[in-house]
Each structure stands twice: as C-alpha cells, then as structure tokens.
Amino acid sequence: MRIEQQATQAGLNKLNDTAEKKKVSSGSSVSENTSASDSVSLSDSAKELAGMKSSLQSTPEVRTELVAELKSKIESGQYNVSGQQIAEKIVQTAIDGLF
C-alpha cells in the first residue's frame, strides 16, 4: 500500500481544523488538570511477529560458513551439479511461484 504525501497532509489539515472548531465552539480550552490516558495493546500475533523481526535482524544475511565451504569445493573441483538438477530446481521454483 502506498500512502501519498498530499493525502496524508490533507487528512492532518482536516483533523486540525476539526479540533480547532471544537475548541472554539466549546468556548474553553483543555484544563491543565485534565488527564487523558491512551493505551495500546498488541495481539499475540503482533508480539510474535515483532519477535520474529528482531530474530531476523540479528541473523546475518550471508551465511559465511556455507559460502566458504562452497568456495573451497568450487576451487578444488569437487563441486559438481548436474544440469538435470538445475533444471528441476528452476521448474520447481517457477511452479511454487504460481501458487
């Protein structure tokens, strides 16, 4: 979803105008003794998602051990993959992308 800057600004302007109209129509401002309490509660799913996000951020993007192992196999000539395996993987990836 893309949020346009103009739409956001228009919404904020409308909100500010409404608040000012209410303030003028009531004839008084908010008292200093008034306390407002807002609260936010996250669902279990949101908490779980936040935990997953922090776990993903702490894991490296590149698995250096695997890269080093594959690099040494390629350099020594021990890394061989058949064309059949590559083709099967490409087809499987394309099929998985459809569903």
PDB file of N, CA and C in Angstrom:
ATOM      1  N   MET A   1       0.846  -1.160   0.000  1.00  0.00           N
ATOM      2  CA  MET A   1       0.000   0.000   0.000  1.00  0.00           C
ATOM      3  C   MET A   1       0.899   1.232   0.000  1.00  0.00           C
ATOM      4  N   ARG A   2       0.565   2.194  -0.838  1.00  0.00           N
ATOM      5  CA  ARG A   2       1.351   3.410  -0.945  1.00  0.00           C
ATOM      6  C   ARG A   2       0.543   4.572  -0.392  1.00  0.00           C
ATOM      7  N   ILE A   3       1.135   5.338   0.479  1.00  0.00           N
ATOM      8  CA  ILE A   3       0.461   6.485   1.075  1.00  0.00           C
ATOM      9  C   ILE A   3       1.040   7.740   0.434  1.00  0.00           C
ATOM     10  N   GLU A   4       0.191   8.492  -0.175  1.00  0.00           N
ATOM     11  CA  GLU A   4       0.629   9.709  -0.840  1.00  0.00           C
ATOM     12  C   GLU A   4       0.811  10.816   0.190  1.00  0.00           C
ATOM     13  N   GLN A   5       1.825  11.634  -0.002  1.00  0.00           N
ATOM     14  CA  GLN A   5       2.121  12.740   0.912  1.00  0.00           C
ATOM     15  C   GLN A   5       0.970  13.736   0.944  1.00  0.00           C
ATOM     16  N   GLN A   6       0.379  14.029  -0.210  1.00  0.00           N
ATOM     17  CA  GLN A   6      -0.709  15.000  -0.264  1.00  0.00           C
ATOM     18  C   GLN A   6      -1.923  14.502   0.507  1.00  0.00           C
ATOM     19  N   ALA A   7      -2.227  13.203   0.363  1.00  0.00           N
ATOM     20  CA  ALA A   7      -3.384  12.652   1.069  1.00  0.00           C
ATOM     21  C   ALA A   7      -3.160  12.692   2.574  1.00  0.00           C
ATOM     22  N   THR A   8      -1.969  12.389   3.004  1.00  0.00           N
ATOM     23  CA  THR A   8      -1.643  12.421   4.427  1.00  0.00           C
ATOM     24  C   THR A   8      -1.754  13.838   4.966  1.00  0.00           C
ATOM     25  N   GLN A   9      -1.207  14.804   4.234  1.00  0.00           N
ATOM     26  CA  GLN A   9      -1.244  16.195   4.679  1.00  0.00           C
ATOM     27  C   GLN A   9      -2.680  16.704   4.711  1.00  0.00           C
ATOM     28  N   ALA A  10      -3.490  16.324   3.720  1.00  0.00           N
ATOM     29  CA  ALA A  10      -4.889  16.756   3.688  1.00  0.00           C
ATOM     30  C   ALA A  10      -5.644  16.193   4.892  1.00  0.00           C
ATOM     31  N   GLY A  11      -5.367  14.949   5.237  1.00  0.00           N
ATOM     32  CA  GLY A  11      -6.008  14.338   6.400  1.00  0.00           C
ATOM     33  C   GLY A  11      -5.622  15.032   7.688  1.00  0.00           C
ATOM     34  N   LEU A  12      -4.361  15.385   7.820  1.00  0.00           N
ATOM     35  CA  LEU A  12      -3.899  16.084   9.019  1.00  0.00           C
ATOM     36  C   LEU A  12      -4.512  17.479   9.109  1.00  0.00           C
ATOM     37  N   ASN A  13      -4.596  18.165   7.978  1.00  0.00           N
ATOM     38  CA  ASN A  13      -5.211  19.500   7.977  1.00  0.00           C
ATOM     39  C   ASN A  13      -6.670  19.419   8.396  1.00  0.00           C
ATOM     40  N   LYS A  14      -7.375  18.431   7.891  1.00  0.00           N
ATOM     41  CA  LYS A  14      -8.785  18.263   8.235  1.00  0.00           C
ATOM     42  C   LYS A  14      -8.944  17.975   9.723  1.00  0.00           C
ATOM     43  N   LEU A  15      -8.066  17.135  10.254  1.00  0.00           N
ATOM     44  CA  LEU A  15      -8.102  16.803  11.675  1.00  0.00           C
ATOM     45  C   LEU A  15      -7.837  18.041  12.529  1.00  0.00           C
ATOM     46  N   ASN A  16      -6.860  18.836  12.141  1.00  0.00           N
ATOM     47  CA  ASN A  16      -6.551  20.063  12.875  1.00  0.00           C
ATOM     48  C   ASN A  16      -7.712  21.050  12.824  1.00  0.00           C
ATOM     49  N   ASP A  17      -8.338  21.192  11.653  1.00  0.00           N
ATOM     50  CA  ASP A  17      -9.480  22.100  11.515  1.00  0.00           C
ATOM     51  C   ASP A  17     -10.630  21.667  12.426  1.00  0.00           C
ATOM     52  N   THR A  18     -10.903  20.367  12.467  1.00  0.00           N
ATOM     53  CA  THR A  18     -11.978  19.847  13.315  1.00  0.00           C
ATOM     54  C   THR A  18     -11.687  20.116  14.786  1.00  0.00           C
ATOM     55  N   ALA A  19     -10.452  19.914  15.188  1.00  0.00           N
ATOM     56  CA  ALA A  19     -10.074  20.147  16.583  1.00  0.00           C
ATOM     57  C   ALA A  19     -10.220  21.618  16.944  1.00  0.00           C
ATOM     58  N   GLU A  20      -9.826  22.507  16.037  1.00  0.00           N
ATOM     59  CA  GLU A  20      -9.943  23.937  16.307  1.00  0.00           C
ATOM     60  C   GLU A  20     -11.406  24.363  16.392  1.00  0.00           C
ATOM     61  N   LYS A  21     -12.258  23.810  15.535  1.00  0.00           N
ATOM     62  CA  LYS A  21     -13.681  24.141  15.567  1.00  0.00           C
ATOM     63  C   LYS A  21     -14.305  23.705  16.885  1.00  0.00           C
ATOM     64  N   LYS A  22     -13.943  22.531  17.364  1.00  0.00           N
ATOM     65  CA  LYS A  22     -14.479  22.050  18.639  1.00  0.00           C
ATOM     66  C   LYS A  22     -14.006  22.934  19.778  1.00  0.00           C
ATOM     67  N   LYS A  23     -12.767  23.366  19.700  1.00  0.00           N
ATOM     68  CA  LYS A  23     -12.208  24.216  20.745  1.00  0.00           C
ATOM     69  C   LYS A  23     -12.927  25.564  20.775  1.00  0.00           C
ATOM     70  N   VAL A  24     -13.189  26.139  19.602  1.00  0.00           N
ATOM     71  CA  VAL A  24     -13.870  27.430  19.513  1.00  0.00           C
ATOM     72  C   VAL A  24     -15.324  27.299  19.932  1.00  0.00           C
ATOM     73  N   SER A  25     -15.988  26.223  19.514  1.00  0.00           N
ATOM     74  CA  SER A  25     -17.404  26.065  19.831  1.00  0.00           C
ATOM     75  C   SER A  25     -17.645  25.800  21.309  1.00  0.00           C
ATOM     76  N   SER A  26     -16.715  25.176  21.983  1.00  0.00           N
ATOM     77  CA  SER A  26     -16.898  24.901  23.405  1.00  0.00           C
ATOM     78  C   SER A  26     -16.590  26.138  24.237  1.00  0.00           C
ATOM     79  N   GLY A  27     -15.797  27.041  23.682  1.00  0.00           N
ATOM     80  CA  GLY A  27     -15.510  28.292  24.381  1.00  0.00           C
ATOM     81  C   GLY A  27     -14.466  28.156  25.458  1.00  0.00           C
ATOM     82  N   SER A  28     -13.871  27.013  25.610  1.00  0.00           N
ATOM     83  CA  SER A  28     -12.836  26.862  26.619  1.00  0.00           C
ATOM     84  C   SER A  28     -11.755  25.940  26.095  1.00  0.00           C
ATOM     85  N   SER A  29     -10.621  26.059  26.693  1.00  0.00           N
ATOM     86  CA  SER A  29      -9.514  25.196  26.306  1.00  0.00           C
ATOM     87  C   SER A  29      -9.428  24.023  27.284  1.00  0.00           C
ATOM     88  N   VAL A  30      -8.570  23.118  26.987  1.00  0.00           N
ATOM     89  CA  VAL A  30      -8.394  21.941  27.836  1.00  0.00           C
ATOM     90  C   VAL A  30      -7.745  22.358  29.138  1.00  0.00           C
ATOM     91  N   SER A  31      -8.299  21.941  30.221  1.00  0.00           N
ATOM     92  CA  SER A  31      -7.784  22.296  31.541  1.00  0.00           C
ATOM     93  C   SER A  31      -6.481  21.556  31.804  1.00  0.00           C
ATOM     94  N   GLU A  32      -5.619  22.186  32.598  1.00  0.00           N
ATOM     95  CA  GLU A  32      -4.360  21.548  32.946  1.00  0.00           C
ATOM     96  C   GLU A  32      -4.581  20.346  33.851  1.00  0.00           C
ATOM     97  N   ASN A  33      -5.692  20.307  34.572  1.00  0.00           N
ATOM     98  CA  ASN A  33      -5.982  19.210  35.479  1.00  0.00           C
ATOM     99  C   ASN A  33      -6.527  17.980  34.747  1.00  0.00           C
ATOM    100  N   THR A  34      -6.906  18.163  33.511  1.00  0.00           N
ATOM    101  CA  THR A  34      -7.471  17.052  32.746  1.00  0.00           C
ATOM    102  C   THR A  34      -6.356  16.079  32.394  1.00  0.00           C
ATOM    103  N   SER A  35      -6.614  14.828  32.627  1.00  0.00           N
ATOM    104  CA  SER A  35      -5.621  13.824  32.262  1.00  0.00           C
ATOM    105  C   SER A  35      -6.245  12.877  31.254  1.00  0.00           C
ATOM    106  N   ALA A  36      -5.547  12.681  30.198  1.00  0.00           N
ATOM    107  CA  ALA A  36      -6.016  11.763  29.162  1.00  0.00           C
ATOM    108  C   ALA A  36      -5.128  10.529  29.210  1.00  0.00           C
ATOM    109  N   SER A  37      -5.770   9.396  29.099  1.00  0.00           N
ATOM    110  CA  SER A  37      -4.965   8.181  29.105  1.00  0.00           C
ATOM    111  C   SER A  37      -5.289   7.378  27.856  1.00  0.00           C
ATOM    112  N   ASP A  38      -4.280   7.184  27.077  1.00  0.00           N
ATOM    113  CA  ASP A  38      -4.394   6.358  25.888  1.00  0.00           C
ATOM    114  C   ASP A  38      -3.642   5.071  26.161  1.00  0.00           C
ATOM    115  N   SER A  39      -4.148   4.027  25.598  1.00  0.00           N
ATOM    116  CA  SER A  39      -3.437   2.765  25.772  1.00  0.00           C
ATOM    117  C   SER A  39      -3.436   1.996  24.456  1.00  0.00           C
ATOM    118  N   VAL A  40      -2.416   1.227  24.299  1.00  0.00           N
ATOM    119  CA  VAL A  40      -2.268   0.394  23.113  1.00  0.00           C
ATOM    120  C   VAL A  40      -1.981  -1.013  23.584  1.00  0.00           C
ATOM    121  N   SER A  41      -2.684  -1.955  22.993  1.00  0.00           N
ATOM    122  CA  SER A  41      -2.380  -3.346  23.315  1.00  0.00           C
ATOM    123  C   SER A  41      -2.156  -4.096  22.018  1.00  0.00           C
ATOM    124  N   LEU A  42      -1.135  -4.912  22.025  1.00  0.00           N
ATOM    125  CA  LEU A  42      -0.785  -5.688  20.844  1.00  0.00           C
ATOM    126  C   LEU A  42      -1.320  -7.105  20.979  1.00  0.00           C
ATOM    127  N   SER A  43      -1.771  -7.636  19.881  1.00  0.00           N
ATOM    128  CA  SER A  43      -2.253  -9.008  19.894  1.00  0.00           C
ATOM    129  C   SER A  43      -1.064  -9.952  20.024  1.00  0.00           C
ATOM    130  N   ASP A  44      -1.360 -11.188  20.346  1.00  0.00           N
ATOM    131  CA  ASP A  44      -0.300 -12.187  20.453  1.00  0.00           C
ATOM    132  C   ASP A  44       0.418 -12.352  19.117  1.00  0.00           C
ATOM    133  N   SER A  45      -0.332 -12.249  18.022  1.00  0.00           N
ATOM    134  CA  SER A  45       0.267 -12.374  16.693  1.00  0.00           C
ATOM    135  C   SER A  45       1.262 -11.248  16.447  1.00  0.00           C
ATOM    136  N   ALA A  46       0.901 -10.040  16.835  1.00  0.00           N
ATOM    137  CA  ALA A  46       1.790  -8.892  16.644  1.00  0.00           C
ATOM    138  C   ALA A  46       3.049  -9.041  17.488  1.00  0.00           C
ATOM    139  N   LYS A  47       2.892  -9.539  18.704  1.00  0.00           N
ATOM    140  CA  LYS A  47       4.060  -9.747  19.565  1.00  0.00           C
ATOM    141  C   LYS A  47       4.968 -10.818  18.979  1.00  0.00           C
ATOM    142  N   GLU A  48       4.373 -11.876  18.454  1.00  0.00           N
ATOM    143  CA  GLU A  48       5.152 -12.949  17.835  1.00  0.00           C
ATOM    144  C   GLU A  48       5.884 -12.420  16.600  1.00  0.00           C
ATOM    145  N   LEU A  49       5.194 -11.619  15.809  1.00  0.00           N
ATOM    146  CA  LEU A  49       5.798 -11.038  14.616  1.00  0.00           C
ATOM    147  C   LEU A  49       6.961 -10.119  14.981  1.00  0.00           C
ATOM    148  N   ALA A  50       6.810  -9.349  16.025  1.00  0.00           N
ATOM    149  CA  ALA A  50       7.891  -8.466  16.480  1.00  0.00           C
ATOM    150  C   ALA A  50       9.102  -9.287  16.912  1.00  0.00           C
ATOM    151  N   GLY A  51       8.851 -10.413  17.577  1.00  0.00           N
ATOM    152  CA  GLY A  51       9.943 -11.292  17.977  1.00  0.00           C
ATOM    153  C   GLY A  51      10.659 -11.883  16.779  1.00  0.00           C
ATOM    154  N   MET A  52       9.879 -12.287  15.776  1.00  0.00           N
ATOM    155  CA  MET A  52      10.481 -12.833  14.554  1.00  0.00           C
ATOM    156  C   MET A  52      11.314 -11.783  13.842  1.00  0.00           C
ATOM    157  N   LYS A  53      10.808 -10.560  13.815  1.00  0.00           N
ATOM    158  CA  LYS A  53      11.524  -9.479  13.141  1.00  0.00           C
ATOM    159  C   LYS A  53      12.871  -9.234  13.809  1.00  0.00           C
ATOM    160  N   SER A  54      12.885  -9.201  15.133  1.00  0.00           N
ATOM    161  CA  SER A  54      14.147  -8.966  15.827  1.00  0.00           C
ATOM    162  C   SER A  54      15.110 -10.135  15.628  1.00  0.00           C
ATOM    163  N   SER A  55      14.578 -11.363  15.541  1.00  0.00           N
ATOM    164  CA  SER A  55      15.428 -12.522  15.280  1.00  0.00           C
ATOM    165  C   SER A  55      16.039 -12.438  13.890  1.00  0.00           C
ATOM    166  N   LEU A  56      15.246 -12.045  12.920  1.00  0.00           N
ATOM    167  CA  LEU A  56      15.751 -11.919  11.555  1.00  0.00           C
ATOM    168  C   LEU A  56      16.797 -10.821  11.436  1.00  0.00           C
ATOM    169  N   GLN A  57      16.606  -9.750  12.175  1.00  0.00           N
ATOM    170  CA  GLN A  57      17.562  -8.655  12.111  1.00  0.00           C
ATOM    171  C   GLN A  57      18.891  -9.045  12.745  1.00  0.00           C
ATOM    172  N   SER A  58      18.875  -9.986  13.672  1.00  0.00           N
ATOM    173  CA  SER A  58      20.114 -10.376  14.327  1.00  0.00           C
ATOM    174  C   SER A  58      20.873 -11.457  13.553  1.00  0.00           C
ATOM    175  N   THR A  59      20.224 -12.115  12.591  1.00  0.00           N
ATOM    176  CA  THR A  59      20.917 -13.122  11.795  1.00  0.00           C
ATOM    177  C   THR A  59      21.583 -12.465  10.593  1.00  0.00           C
ATOM    178  N   PRO A  60      22.770 -12.936  10.244  1.00  0.00           N
ATOM    179  CA  PRO A  60      23.469 -12.332   9.106  1.00  0.00           C
ATOM    180  C   PRO A  60      22.785 -12.689   7.790  1.00  0.00           C
ATOM    181  N   GLU A  61      22.877 -11.779   6.816  1.00  0.00           N
ATOM    182  CA  GLU A  61      22.272 -12.027   5.513  1.00  0.00           C
ATOM    183  C   GLU A  61      23.034 -13.083   4.743  1.00  0.00           C
ATOM    184  N   VAL A  62      24.319 -13.173   4.967  1.00  0.00           N
ATOM    185  CA  VAL A  62      25.164 -14.130   4.261  1.00  0.00           C
ATOM    186  C   VAL A  62      25.678 -15.158   5.255  1.00  0.00           C
ATOM    187  N   ARG A  63      25.458 -16.414   4.936  1.00  0.00           N
ATOM    188  CA  ARG A  63      25.975 -17.483   5.794  1.00  0.00           C
ATOM    189  C   ARG A  63      27.424 -17.749   5.384  1.00  0.00           C
ATOM    190  N   THR A  64      28.339 -17.110   6.083  1.00  0.00           N
ATOM    191  CA  THR A  64      29.753 -17.133   5.703  1.00  0.00           C
ATOM    192  C   THR A  64      30.345 -18.537   5.721  1.00  0.00           C
ATOM    193  N   GLU A  65      29.869 -19.388   6.645  1.00  0.00           N
ATOM    194  CA  GLU A  65      30.394 -20.752   6.702  1.00  0.00           C
ATOM    195  C   GLU A  65      30.045 -21.507   5.423  1.00  0.00           C
ATOM    196  N   LEU A  66      28.794 -21.387   4.980  1.00  0.00           N
ATOM    197  CA  LEU A  66      28.350 -22.075   3.775  1.00  0.00           C
ATOM    198  C   LEU A  66      29.065 -21.530   2.545  1.00  0.00           C
ATOM    199  N   VAL A  67      29.235 -20.221   2.487  1.00  0.00           N
ATOM    200  CA  VAL A  67      29.928 -19.608   1.357  1.00  0.00           C
ATOM    201  C   VAL A  67      31.368 -20.105   1.285  1.00  0.00           C
ATOM    202  N   ALA A  68      32.032 -20.135   2.428  1.00  0.00           N
ATOM    203  CA  ALA A  68      33.424 -20.593   2.461  1.00  0.00           C
ATOM    204  C   ALA A  68      33.527 -22.055   2.036  1.00  0.00           C
ATOM    205  N   GLU A  69      32.590 -22.888   2.493  1.00  0.00           N
ATOM    206  CA  GLU A  69      32.600 -24.306   2.131  1.00  0.00           C
ATOM    207  C   GLU A  69      32.393 -24.487   0.626  1.00  0.00           C
ATOM    208  N   LEU A  70      31.407 -23.790   0.081  1.00  0.00           N
ATOM    209  CA  LEU A  70      31.147 -23.902  -1.357  1.00  0.00           C
ATOM    210  C   LEU A  70      32.304 -23.347  -2.181  1.00  0.00           C
ATOM    211  N   LYS A  71      32.889 -22.260  -1.730  1.00  0.00           N
ATOM    212  CA  LYS A  71      34.012 -21.665  -2.443  1.00  0.00           C
ATOM    213  C   LYS A  71      35.187 -22.633  -2.507  1.00  0.00           C
ATOM    214  N   SER A  72      35.474 -23.297  -1.405  1.00  0.00           N
ATOM    215  CA  SER A  72      36.596 -24.248  -1.399  1.00  0.00           C
ATOM    216  C   SER A  72      36.294 -25.461  -2.286  1.00  0.00           C
ATOM    217  N   LYS A  73      35.039 -25.920  -2.305  1.00  0.00           N
ATOM    218  CA  LYS A  73      34.678 -27.040  -3.175  1.00  0.00           C
ATOM    219  C   LYS A  73      34.804 -26.665  -4.654  1.00  0.00           C
ATOM    220  N   ILE A  74      34.377 -25.442  -4.991  1.00  0.00           N
ATOM    221  CA  ILE A  74      34.468 -24.986  -6.387  1.00  0.00           C
ATOM    222  C   ILE A  74      35.924 -24.863  -6.803  1.00  0.00           C
ATOM    223  N   GLU A  75      36.751 -24.273  -5.937  1.00  0.00           N
ATOM    224  CA  GLU A  75      38.173 -24.094  -6.265  1.00  0.00           C
ATOM    225  C   GLU A  75      38.900 -25.421  -6.400  1.00  0.00           C
ATOM    226  N   SER A  76      38.498 -26.416  -5.606  1.00  0.00           N
ATOM    227  CA  SER A  76      39.171 -27.715  -5.669  1.00  0.00           C
ATOM    228  C   SER A  76      38.569 -28.634  -6.731  1.00  0.00           C
ATOM    229  N   GLY A  77      37.474 -28.203  -7.356  1.00  0.00           N
ATOM    230  CA  GLY A  77      36.858 -29.005  -8.408  1.00  0.00           C
ATOM    231  C   GLY A  77      35.942 -30.096  -7.880  1.00  0.00           C
ATOM    232  N   GLN A  78      35.576 -30.044  -6.608  1.00  0.00           N
ATOM    233  CA  GLN A  78      34.719 -31.059  -6.005  1.00  0.00           C
ATOM    234  C   GLN A  78      33.241 -30.712  -6.072  1.00  0.00           C
ATOM    235  N   TYR A  79      32.915 -29.507  -6.511  1.00  0.00           N
ATOM    236  CA  TYR A  79      31.517 -29.078  -6.555  1.00  0.00           C
ATOM    237  C   TYR A  79      30.980 -29.331  -7.957  1.00  0.00           C
ATOM    238  N   ASN A  80      30.132 -30.339  -8.059  1.00  0.00           N
ATOM    239  CA  ASN A  80      29.542 -30.690  -9.344  1.00  0.00           C
ATOM    240  C   ASN A  80      28.031 -30.805  -9.184  1.00  0.00           C
ATOM    241  N   VAL A  81      27.331 -30.102 -10.024  1.00  0.00           N
ATOM    242  CA  VAL A  81      25.880 -30.174 -10.031  1.00  0.00           C
ATOM    243  C   VAL A  81      25.462 -30.502 -11.458  1.00  0.00           C
ATOM    244  N   SER A  82      24.575 -31.473 -11.588  1.00  0.00           N
ATOM    245  CA  SER A  82      24.146 -31.856 -12.933  1.00  0.00           C
ATOM    246  C   SER A  82      23.168 -30.839 -13.491  1.00  0.00           C
ATOM    247  N   GLY A  83      23.139 -30.742 -14.794  1.00  0.00           N
ATOM    248  CA  GLY A  83      22.193 -29.863 -15.467  1.00  0.00           C
ATOM    249  C   GLY A  83      20.759 -30.260 -15.159  1.00  0.00           C
ATOM    250  N   GLN A  84      20.534 -31.548 -14.979  1.00  0.00           N
ATOM    251  CA  GLN A  84      19.201 -32.064 -14.635  1.00  0.00           C
ATOM    252  C   GLN A  84      18.726 -31.472 -13.311  1.00  0.00           C
ATOM    253  N   GLN A  85      19.602 -31.457 -12.307  1.00  0.00           N
ATOM    254  CA  GLN A  85      19.239 -30.905 -11.004  1.00  0.00           C
ATOM    255  C   GLN A  85      18.931 -29.409 -11.095  1.00  0.00           C
ATOM    256  N   ILE A  86      19.718 -28.693 -11.879  1.00  0.00           N
ATOM    257  CA  ILE A  86      19.492 -27.259 -12.037  1.00  0.00           C
ATOM    258  C   ILE A  86      18.142 -27.009 -12.707  1.00  0.00           C
ATOM    259  N   ALA A  87      17.849 -27.756 -13.769  1.00  0.00           N
ATOM    260  CA  ALA A  87      16.585 -27.589 -14.491  1.00  0.00           C
ATOM    261  C   ALA A  87      15.400 -27.912 -13.587  1.00  0.00           C
ATOM    262  N   GLU A  88      15.504 -28.997 -12.811  1.00  0.00           N
ATOM    263  CA  GLU A  88      14.420 -29.373 -11.902  1.00  0.00           C
ATOM    264  C   GLU A  88      14.164 -28.265 -10.866  1.00  0.00           C
ATOM    265  N   LYS A  89      15.227 -27.695 -10.349  1.00  0.00           N
ATOM    266  CA  LYS A  89      15.090 -26.635  -9.346  1.00  0.00           C
ATOM    267  C   LYS A  89      14.450 -25.381  -9.952  1.00  0.00           C
ATOM    268  N   ILE A  90      14.835 -25.046 -11.180  1.00  0.00           N
ATOM    269  CA  ILE A  90      14.251 -23.876 -11.850  1.00  0.00           C
ATOM    270  C   ILE A  90      12.758 -24.093 -12.069  1.00  0.00           C
ATOM    271  N   VAL A  91      12.377 -25.274 -12.540  1.00  0.00           N
ATOM    272  CA  VAL A  91      10.971 -25.579 -12.787  1.00  0.00           C
ATOM    273  C   VAL A  91      10.192 -25.579 -11.475  1.00  0.00           C
ATOM    274  N   GLN A  92      10.749 -26.192 -10.445  1.00  0.00           N
ATOM    275  CA  GLN A  92      10.072 -26.242  -9.156  1.00  0.00           C
ATOM    276  C   GLN A  92       9.867 -24.839  -8.579  1.00  0.00           C
ATOM    277  N   THR A  93      10.864 -23.994  -8.710  1.00  0.00           N
ATOM    278  CA  THR A  93      10.750 -22.617  -8.226  1.00  0.00           C
ATOM    279  C   THR A  93       9.652 -21.865  -8.986  1.00  0.00           C
ATOM    280  N   ALA A  94       9.581 -22.089 -10.294  1.00  0.00           N
ATOM    281  CA  ALA A  94       8.543 -21.430 -11.096  1.00  0.00           C
ATOM    282  C   ALA A  94       7.152 -21.919 -10.698  1.00  0.00           C
ATOM    283  N   ILE A  95       7.009 -23.202 -10.449  1.00  0.00           N
ATOM    284  CA  ILE A  95       5.723 -23.770 -10.039  1.00  0.00           C
ATOM    285  C   ILE A  95       5.322 -23.238  -8.668  1.00  0.00           C
ATOM    286  N   ASP A  96       6.268 -23.171  -7.738  1.00  0.00           N
ATOM    287  CA  ASP A  96       5.994 -22.658  -6.402  1.00  0.00           C
ATOM    288  C   ASP A  96       5.575 -21.190  -6.459  1.00  0.00           C
ATOM    289  N   GLY A  97       6.130 -20.445  -7.405  1.00  0.00           N
ATOM    290  CA  GLY A  97       5.779 -19.038  -7.550  1.00  0.00           C
ATOM    291  C   GLY A  97       4.374 -18.811  -8.049  1.00  0.00           C
ATOM    292  N   LEU A  98       3.800 -19.825  -8.701  1.00  0.00           N
ATOM    293  CA  LEU A  98       2.439 -19.696  -9.216  1.00  0.00           C
ATOM    294  C   LEU A  98       1.385 -19.847  -8.135  1.00  0.00           C
ATOM    295  N   PHE A  99       1.721 -20.550  -7.097  1.00  0.00           N
ATOM    296  CA  PHE A  99       0.706 -20.843  -6.065  1.00  0.00           C
ATOM    297  C   PHE A  99       1.045 -20.185  -4.799  1.00  0.00           C
TER     298      PHE A  99
END
